[in-house]
């Protein structure tokens, strides 16, 4: 499984998804949209807005949170095969 995480250091939800991935031993490559030229624009082209965090799992874009609700733990567990 190849995973990219588009994030920024100031993003609370980004820190939460990084904790989740670390706790479950999921390896990923982080792309900071503030530091990587063109990354913010790519997120906008893919999802229509500058919304982070964004995961790209084997080429499929997935927003792992819902504004106001936080991380989508059930969906994340399902995608990564985590059993509660």
C-alpha atoms as a PDB file:
ATOM      1  CA  UNK A   1       0.000   0.000   0.000  1.00  0.00           C
ATOM      2  CA  UNK A   2       1.441   3.375  -1.032  1.00  0.00           C
ATOM      3  CA  UNK A   3       0.203   6.270   1.108  1.00  0.00           C
ATOM      4  CA  UNK A   4       0.755  10.008   0.765  1.00  0.00           C
ATOM      5  CA  UNK A   5      -0.399  12.447   3.430  1.00  0.00           C
ATOM      6  CA  UNK A   6      -0.913  16.072   2.431  1.00  0.00           C
ATOM      7  CA  UNK A   7      -0.704  18.161   5.591  1.00  0.00           C
ATOM      8  CA  UNK A   8       0.658  21.286   7.276  1.00  0.00           C
ATOM      9  CA  UNK A   9       2.368  21.778  10.627  1.00  0.00           C
ATOM     10  CA  UNK A  10      -0.355  24.134  11.916  1.00  0.00           C
ATOM     11  CA  UNK A  11      -3.204  21.694  11.172  1.00  0.00           C
ATOM     12  CA  UNK A  12      -4.726  19.998  14.244  1.00  0.00           C
ATOM     13  CA  UNK A  13      -6.471  17.300  12.188  1.00  0.00           C
ATOM     14  CA  UNK A  14      -3.180  16.591  10.403  1.00  0.00           C
ATOM     15  CA  UNK A  15      -1.493  15.941  13.740  1.00  0.00           C
ATOM     16  CA  UNK A  16      -4.368  13.626  14.697  1.00  0.00           C
ATOM     17  CA  UNK A  17      -4.111  11.548  11.497  1.00  0.00           C
ATOM     18  CA  UNK A  18      -0.325  11.275  11.945  1.00  0.00           C
ATOM     19  CA  UNK A  19      -0.881   9.945  15.486  1.00  0.00           C
ATOM     20  CA  UNK A  20      -3.444   7.453  14.172  1.00  0.00           C
ATOM     21  CA  UNK A  21      -1.118   6.217  11.432  1.00  0.00           C
ATOM     22  CA  UNK A  22       1.806   5.896  13.858  1.00  0.00           C
ATOM     23  CA  UNK A  23      -0.292   4.032  16.453  1.00  0.00           C
ATOM     24  CA  UNK A  24      -1.316   1.499  13.808  1.00  0.00           C
ATOM     25  CA  UNK A  25       2.096   1.142  12.172  1.00  0.00           C
ATOM     26  CA  UNK A  26       0.933   2.563   8.839  1.00  0.00           C
ATOM     27  CA  UNK A  27       3.849   3.875   6.793  1.00  0.00           C
ATOM     28  CA  UNK A  28       3.289   6.993   4.707  1.00  0.00           C
ATOM     29  CA  UNK A  29       5.074   9.832   2.964  1.00  0.00           C
ATOM     30  CA  UNK A  30       4.160  13.271   4.247  1.00  0.00           C
ATOM     31  CA  UNK A  31       3.871  16.235   1.898  1.00  0.00           C
ATOM     32  CA  UNK A  32       3.663  19.581   3.694  1.00  0.00           C
ATOM     33  CA  UNK A  33       1.563  21.880   1.507  1.00  0.00           C
ATOM     34  CA  UNK A  34       3.289  24.943   2.981  1.00  0.00           C
ATOM     35  CA  UNK A  35       6.796  23.699   2.182  1.00  0.00           C
ATOM     36  CA  UNK A  36       6.390  21.682  -1.023  1.00  0.00           C
ATOM     37  CA  UNK A  37       6.052  23.810  -4.160  1.00  0.00           C
ATOM     38  CA  UNK A  38       2.831  23.056  -6.009  1.00  0.00           C
ATOM     39  CA  UNK A  39       1.396  20.776  -3.297  1.00  0.00           C
ATOM     40  CA  UNK A  40      -1.394  23.131  -2.198  1.00  0.00           C
ATOM     41  CA  UNK A  41      -2.411  23.676  -5.803  1.00  0.00           C
ATOM     42  CA  UNK A  42      -2.497  19.915  -6.403  1.00  0.00           C
ATOM     43  CA  UNK A  43      -4.818  19.438  -3.417  1.00  0.00           C
ATOM     44  CA  UNK A  44      -7.092  22.168  -4.784  1.00  0.00           C
ATOM     45  CA  UNK A  45      -7.145  20.545  -8.244  1.00  0.00           C
ATOM     46  CA  UNK A  46      -7.956  17.127  -6.794  1.00  0.00           C
ATOM     47  CA  UNK A  47     -10.574  18.000  -4.171  1.00  0.00           C
ATOM     48  CA  UNK A  48     -11.762  21.447  -5.209  1.00  0.00           C
ATOM     49  CA  UNK A  49     -10.520  23.275  -2.130  1.00  0.00           C
ATOM     50  CA  UNK A  50      -7.503  23.621   0.114  1.00  0.00           C
ATOM     51  CA  UNK A  51      -8.648  20.990   2.590  1.00  0.00           C
ATOM     52  CA  UNK A  52      -6.150  19.036   4.653  1.00  0.00           C
ATOM     53  CA  UNK A  53      -5.375  16.456   5.773  1.00  0.00           C
ATOM     54  CA  UNK A  54      -5.737  14.468   2.578  1.00  0.00           C
ATOM     55  CA  UNK A  55      -4.615  10.892   2.137  1.00  0.00           C
ATOM     56  CA  UNK A  56      -3.796   9.369  -1.229  1.00  0.00           C
ATOM     57  CA  UNK A  57      -3.995   5.599  -0.846  1.00  0.00           C
ATOM     58  CA  UNK A  58      -2.710   3.743  -3.893  1.00  0.00           C
ATOM     59  CA  UNK A  59      -3.711   6.712  -6.041  1.00  0.00           C
ATOM     60  CA  UNK A  60      -7.167   7.236  -4.492  1.00  0.00           C
ATOM     61  CA  UNK A  61      -7.752  10.565  -2.728  1.00  0.00           C
ATOM     62  CA  UNK A  62      -9.467  10.283   0.669  1.00  0.00           C
ATOM     63  CA  UNK A  63     -10.273  13.016   3.175  1.00  0.00           C
ATOM     64  CA  UNK A  64      -9.880  11.281   6.564  1.00  0.00           C
ATOM     65  CA  UNK A  65     -11.936  13.785   8.529  1.00  0.00           C
ATOM     66  CA  UNK A  66     -15.226  15.591   8.412  1.00  0.00           C
ATOM     67  CA  UNK A  67     -15.241  19.263   9.449  1.00  0.00           C
ATOM     68  CA  UNK A  68     -16.876  19.567  12.852  1.00  0.00           C
ATOM     69  CA  UNK A  69     -16.678  15.798  13.472  1.00  0.00           C
ATOM     70  CA  UNK A  70     -12.926  15.154  13.326  1.00  0.00           C
ATOM     71  CA  UNK A  71     -11.249  11.991  12.086  1.00  0.00           C
ATOM     72  CA  UNK A  72     -13.344   9.265  10.503  1.00  0.00           C
ATOM     73  CA  UNK A  73     -11.962   6.472  12.680  1.00  0.00           C
ATOM     74  CA  UNK A  74     -14.363   3.780  11.458  1.00  0.00           C
ATOM     75  CA  UNK A  75     -13.506   4.454   7.811  1.00  0.00           C
ATOM     76  CA  UNK A  76      -9.804   4.616   8.599  1.00  0.00           C
ATOM     77  CA  UNK A  77      -9.957   1.325  10.502  1.00  0.00           C
ATOM     78  CA  UNK A  78     -11.727  -0.290   7.552  1.00  0.00           C
ATOM     79  CA  UNK A  79      -9.269   1.047   4.954  1.00  0.00           C
ATOM     80  CA  UNK A  80      -6.243  -0.062   6.970  1.00  0.00           C
ATOM     81  CA  UNK A  81      -7.668  -3.340   8.257  1.00  0.00           C
ATOM     82  CA  UNK A  82      -7.550  -2.250  11.903  1.00  0.00           C
ATOM     83  CA  UNK A  83      -9.706  -4.313  14.228  1.00  0.00           C
ATOM     84  CA  UNK A  84     -11.162  -2.645  17.304  1.00  0.00           C
END
